[in-house]
């Protein structure tokens, strides 16, 4: 499994500004579990919010040498994507300072991974339900919420099986990298987003995001693109962060 693509040439100063060096921990934190190469603790500056601390794998690539992960990959193509903190998630966490919804809104996060975006929304004051397909990711995201002294629900969610309740806001980051996921994601949003709700999807400027934009033309949604400072973009761009904001037509 290749790690997430490198950040584009104009991104490193921004990422360096947001992320402080991670500290490799000498032992597994209480509430977490043993992983290849152990855990690290990092702090992220997310703009108008207080800094967010995260437990995250010290070396995500070490998962590739795990017999358990290799067996799961052989069985069903499983990839431990949750173990990586993908670049767009860092930028999107900071973009939450521009969120147009009021503080305290009920919010669903898709594909949370280690939980930076969802925990940042909880730090902002939103009532967050963090979800991911991986049970391990849910355990980590829940522990990261506790680490930051915020409350957040955390549960497993398969995009092919939308939850029964609706939410006024749905957020996701780095979920467009595989085209096969576009249809399940759009169906879930359609089933779960409140009638007057909005959905934010952060993307690192991947080619498949342009394909996603084309698919949106045939859905009940209209969308506007924004950059990391919540300034409108005319069209999808490649290799730079962009934010899809979806609303019902």
Protein backbone atom coordinates (compact mmCIF):
# COMPACT_ATOMS: atom_id res chain seq x y z
CA UNK A 1 0.00 0.00 0.00
CA UNK A 2 1.54 3.32 -0.97
CA UNK A 3 1.36 6.09 1.61
CA UNK A 4 -0.71 9.17 0.78
CA UNK A 5 0.72 11.33 -2.00
CA UNK A 6 3.26 13.94 -1.03
CA UNK A 7 1.89 17.41 -0.38
CA UNK A 8 2.18 19.75 -3.39
CA UNK A 9 5.09 22.15 -3.68
CA UNK A 10 3.17 25.08 -2.22
CA UNK A 11 1.86 23.12 0.76
CA UNK A 12 4.88 22.34 3.01
CA UNK A 13 5.09 25.82 4.64
CA UNK A 14 1.41 25.56 5.56
CA UNK A 15 1.76 22.04 6.92
CA UNK A 16 4.89 22.93 8.85
CA UNK A 17 3.05 25.85 10.39
CA UNK A 18 0.17 23.64 11.49
CA UNK A 19 2.03 20.56 12.71
CA UNK A 20 4.62 20.40 15.45
CA UNK A 21 7.15 17.55 15.51
CA UNK A 22 5.69 14.27 16.76
CA UNK A 23 7.14 12.75 19.92
CA UNK A 24 7.62 8.99 19.77
CA UNK A 25 6.19 7.51 22.95
CA UNK A 26 8.17 4.92 24.95
CA UNK A 27 5.09 2.78 25.61
CA UNK A 28 1.52 2.30 24.44
CA UNK A 29 -0.79 4.97 25.90
CA UNK A 30 -3.57 3.75 28.23
CA UNK A 31 -6.70 2.99 26.24
CA UNK A 32 -4.82 2.13 23.04
CA UNK A 33 -3.31 -1.10 21.71
CA UNK A 34 0.04 -2.41 20.54
CA UNK A 35 0.92 -1.54 16.93
CA UNK A 36 4.01 -1.99 14.75
CA UNK A 37 6.64 0.67 15.59
CA UNK A 38 4.54 2.09 18.42
CA UNK A 39 2.77 5.39 18.97
CA UNK A 40 3.66 9.06 18.70
CA UNK A 41 2.08 12.19 20.17
CA UNK A 42 1.74 15.24 17.91
CA UNK A 43 0.23 18.70 18.38
CA UNK A 44 -1.61 20.55 15.61
CA UNK A 45 -2.35 24.26 15.36
CA UNK A 46 -5.84 24.44 13.89
CA UNK A 47 -6.22 28.16 13.46
CA UNK A 48 -8.86 29.84 15.59
CA UNK A 49 -9.20 26.78 17.83
CA UNK A 50 -6.90 25.71 20.64
CA UNK A 51 -4.15 23.28 19.57
CA UNK A 52 -5.24 19.67 19.13
CA UNK A 53 -3.11 16.77 20.38
CA UNK A 54 -3.23 13.40 18.66
CA UNK A 55 -2.01 9.91 19.33
CA UNK A 56 -1.00 8.51 15.94
CA UNK A 57 1.13 5.62 14.66
CA UNK A 58 4.81 6.55 14.81
CA UNK A 59 5.51 4.76 11.52
CA UNK A 60 2.39 3.90 9.49
CA UNK A 61 4.48 2.09 6.87
CA UNK A 62 5.37 -0.49 9.52
CA UNK A 63 1.83 -1.85 9.18
CA UNK A 64 2.86 -3.25 5.81
CA UNK A 65 5.06 -5.77 7.62
CA UNK A 66 2.29 -6.91 9.98
CA UNK A 67 1.19 -10.51 9.40
CA UNK A 68 -2.36 -9.58 10.45
CA UNK A 69 -2.60 -6.72 7.95
CA UNK A 70 -1.08 -8.82 5.17
CA UNK A 71 -3.58 -11.62 5.84
CA UNK A 72 -6.50 -9.18 5.74
CA UNK A 73 -5.19 -7.69 2.52
CA UNK A 74 -4.99 -11.13 0.94
CA UNK A 75 -8.53 -11.91 2.08
CA UNK A 76 -10.37 -8.77 0.96
CA UNK A 77 -7.92 -6.11 -0.22
CA UNK A 78 -7.88 -4.39 3.19
CA UNK A 79 -5.56 -1.39 3.56
CA UNK A 80 -4.88 0.30 6.93
CA UNK A 81 -5.51 3.80 5.57
CA UNK A 82 -6.55 4.98 9.04
CA UNK A 83 -2.94 4.76 10.24
CA UNK A 84 -1.87 7.69 8.05
CA UNK A 85 -2.71 11.29 8.83
CA UNK A 86 -3.40 12.44 5.29
CA UNK A 87 -2.32 16.00 4.34
CA UNK A 88 -5.78 17.33 3.47
CA UNK A 89 -7.08 16.38 6.92
CA UNK A 90 -4.61 18.75 8.52
CA UNK A 91 -5.64 21.65 6.29
CA UNK A 92 -9.34 20.88 6.65
CA UNK A 93 -9.10 20.87 10.45
CA UNK A 94 -7.84 24.41 10.23
CA UNK A 95 -10.57 25.37 7.73
CA UNK A 96 -13.17 24.63 10.44
CA UNK A 97 -12.55 28.14 11.76
CA UNK A 98 -14.55 29.32 8.71
CA UNK A 99 -17.44 26.88 9.21
CA UNK A 100 -20.77 28.53 8.25
CA UNK A 101 -22.82 26.45 10.70
CA UNK A 102 -23.36 27.60 14.30
CA UNK A 103 -21.26 26.20 17.12
CA UNK A 104 -22.99 23.27 18.78
CA UNK A 105 -24.36 21.76 15.57
CA UNK A 106 -24.86 17.98 15.35
CA UNK A 107 -22.25 16.74 12.92
CA UNK A 108 -21.32 13.42 11.30
CA UNK A 109 -17.74 12.74 10.21
CA UNK A 110 -17.02 10.09 7.57
CA UNK A 111 -13.68 8.27 7.25
CA UNK A 112 -12.24 9.79 10.40
CA UNK A 113 -8.97 7.86 10.63
CA UNK A 114 -7.19 8.97 13.82
CA UNK A 115 -9.81 11.70 14.21
CA UNK A 116 -8.08 15.05 13.69
CA UNK A 117 -10.96 16.71 11.82
CA UNK A 118 -13.71 15.33 14.03
CA UNK A 119 -11.86 16.10 17.25
CA UNK A 120 -11.15 19.62 15.96
CA UNK A 121 -14.88 20.08 15.32
CA UNK A 122 -15.58 18.91 18.87
CA UNK A 123 -12.99 21.36 20.20
CA UNK A 124 -14.88 24.03 18.22
CA UNK A 125 -17.98 23.05 20.20
CA UNK A 126 -19.91 20.89 17.75
CA UNK A 127 -21.66 17.66 18.78
CA UNK A 128 -19.68 15.20 16.70
CA UNK A 129 -20.29 11.60 15.72
CA UNK A 130 -16.95 10.27 14.44
CA UNK A 131 -17.15 7.26 12.12
CA UNK A 132 -14.77 5.01 10.23
CA UNK A 133 -14.91 1.57 8.63
CA UNK A 134 -11.99 0.37 10.78
CA UNK A 135 -12.60 -0.69 14.37
CA UNK A 136 -9.01 0.29 15.21
CA UNK A 137 -9.58 3.82 13.90
CA UNK A 138 -12.63 4.22 16.13
CA UNK A 139 -10.64 3.22 19.21
CA UNK A 140 -7.93 5.75 18.36
CA UNK A 141 -10.34 8.58 17.51
CA UNK A 142 -12.25 7.99 20.75
CA UNK A 143 -9.02 8.12 22.75
CA UNK A 144 -7.94 11.29 20.93
CA UNK A 145 -11.24 12.94 21.89
CA UNK A 146 -10.53 12.05 25.53
CA UNK A 147 -6.98 13.36 25.19
CA UNK A 148 -8.37 16.75 24.16
CA UNK A 149 -11.02 16.76 26.90
CA UNK A 150 -13.95 16.81 24.49
CA UNK A 151 -16.95 14.54 24.11
CA UNK A 152 -17.58 12.82 20.80
CA UNK A 153 -19.43 9.70 19.82
CA UNK A 154 -17.33 7.26 17.81
CA UNK A 155 -18.63 4.23 15.95
CA UNK A 156 -17.97 2.03 12.96
CA UNK A 157 -19.76 2.87 9.73
CA UNK A 158 -19.80 1.16 6.36
CA UNK A 159 -20.59 3.73 3.65
CA UNK A 160 -22.74 1.11 1.95
CA UNK A 161 -25.03 1.01 5.00
CA UNK A 162 -26.09 4.60 5.85
CA UNK A 163 -27.19 5.36 9.42
CA UNK A 164 -30.90 5.79 10.10
CA UNK A 165 -30.70 9.28 11.62
CA UNK A 166 -30.10 12.53 9.74
CA UNK A 167 -27.52 15.23 10.43
CA UNK A 168 -27.51 18.95 9.59
CA UNK A 169 -23.78 18.78 8.79
CA UNK A 170 -21.62 16.00 7.34
CA UNK A 171 -17.85 16.36 7.02
CA UNK A 172 -15.22 14.15 5.43
CA UNK A 173 -11.62 14.48 4.33
CA UNK A 174 -9.57 12.48 1.83
CA UNK A 175 -12.41 10.10 0.91
CA UNK A 176 -12.37 10.59 -2.88
CA UNK A 177 -9.12 8.73 -3.64
CA UNK A 178 -10.92 5.60 -4.94
CA UNK A 179 -13.60 6.14 -7.58
CA UNK A 180 -15.51 3.03 -6.47
CA UNK A 181 -16.33 4.86 -3.23
CA UNK A 182 -17.97 7.86 -4.91
CA UNK A 183 -21.39 6.26 -5.40
CA UNK A 184 -21.67 4.86 -1.83
CA UNK A 185 -20.55 8.20 -0.38
CA UNK A 186 -23.08 10.17 -2.42
CA UNK A 187 -25.85 7.73 -1.53
CA UNK A 188 -24.98 7.98 2.16
CA UNK A 189 -25.01 11.77 2.03
CA UNK A 190 -28.37 11.71 0.24
CA UNK A 191 -29.84 9.37 2.87
CA UNK A 192 -28.31 11.11 5.89
CA UNK A 193 -28.01 14.85 5.22
CA UNK A 194 -30.90 16.95 6.54
CA UNK A 195 -33.03 18.75 3.94
CA UNK A 196 -31.42 22.12 4.65
CA UNK A 197 -28.03 20.68 5.64
CA UNK A 198 -24.60 20.99 4.11
CA UNK A 199 -21.68 18.65 3.57
CA UNK A 200 -17.98 19.52 3.53
CA UNK A 201 -15.53 17.21 1.76
CA UNK A 202 -11.86 18.17 1.92
CA UNK A 203 -9.58 16.97 -0.87
CA UNK A 204 -5.87 17.30 -1.60
CA UNK A 205 -6.45 18.12 -5.27
CA UNK A 206 -6.60 14.58 -6.60
CA UNK A 207 -7.55 13.71 -10.17
CA UNK A 208 -10.48 11.66 -8.92
CA UNK A 209 -11.95 14.75 -7.28
CA UNK A 210 -12.62 16.12 -10.76
CA UNK A 211 -14.44 12.87 -11.58
CA UNK A 212 -16.44 13.32 -8.37
CA UNK A 213 -17.41 16.83 -9.47
CA UNK A 214 -18.73 15.41 -12.74
CA UNK A 215 -20.82 12.84 -10.87
CA UNK A 216 -22.36 15.59 -8.75
CA UNK A 217 -24.13 16.93 -11.86
CA UNK A 218 -26.38 13.87 -11.77
CA UNK A 219 -27.24 14.01 -8.06
CA UNK A 220 -29.70 15.99 -5.92
CA UNK A 221 -26.81 18.24 -4.87
CA UNK A 222 -25.26 21.47 -6.03
CA UNK A 223 -21.77 22.34 -4.90
CA UNK A 224 -19.34 25.20 -4.46
CA UNK A 225 -15.57 24.78 -4.26
CA UNK A 226 -13.43 26.69 -1.77
CA UNK A 227 -9.73 26.93 -0.97
CA UNK A 228 -8.17 26.49 2.48
CA UNK A 229 -9.17 30.06 3.43
CA UNK A 230 -12.81 29.51 2.39
CA UNK A 231 -12.39 31.59 -0.74
CA UNK A 232 -14.43 30.41 -3.77
CA UNK A 233 -12.76 28.44 -6.56
CA UNK A 234 -14.09 28.41 -10.12
CA UNK A 235 -13.30 24.75 -10.78
CA UNK A 236 -11.51 21.74 -9.28
CA UNK A 237 -7.75 22.10 -9.12
CA UNK A 238 -4.95 19.57 -9.10
CA UNK A 239 -2.36 19.13 -6.35
CA UNK A 240 -3.75 21.77 -4.00
CA UNK A 241 -6.31 21.60 -1.21
CA UNK A 242 -9.93 22.20 -2.13
CA UNK A 243 -13.17 21.99 -0.22
CA UNK A 244 -16.41 20.72 -1.72
CA UNK A 245 -19.48 22.25 -0.07
CA UNK A 246 -22.62 20.32 -1.02
CA UNK A 247 -26.21 21.44 -0.52
CA UNK A 248 -29.45 20.04 -1.85
CA UNK A 249 -30.76 21.66 -5.02
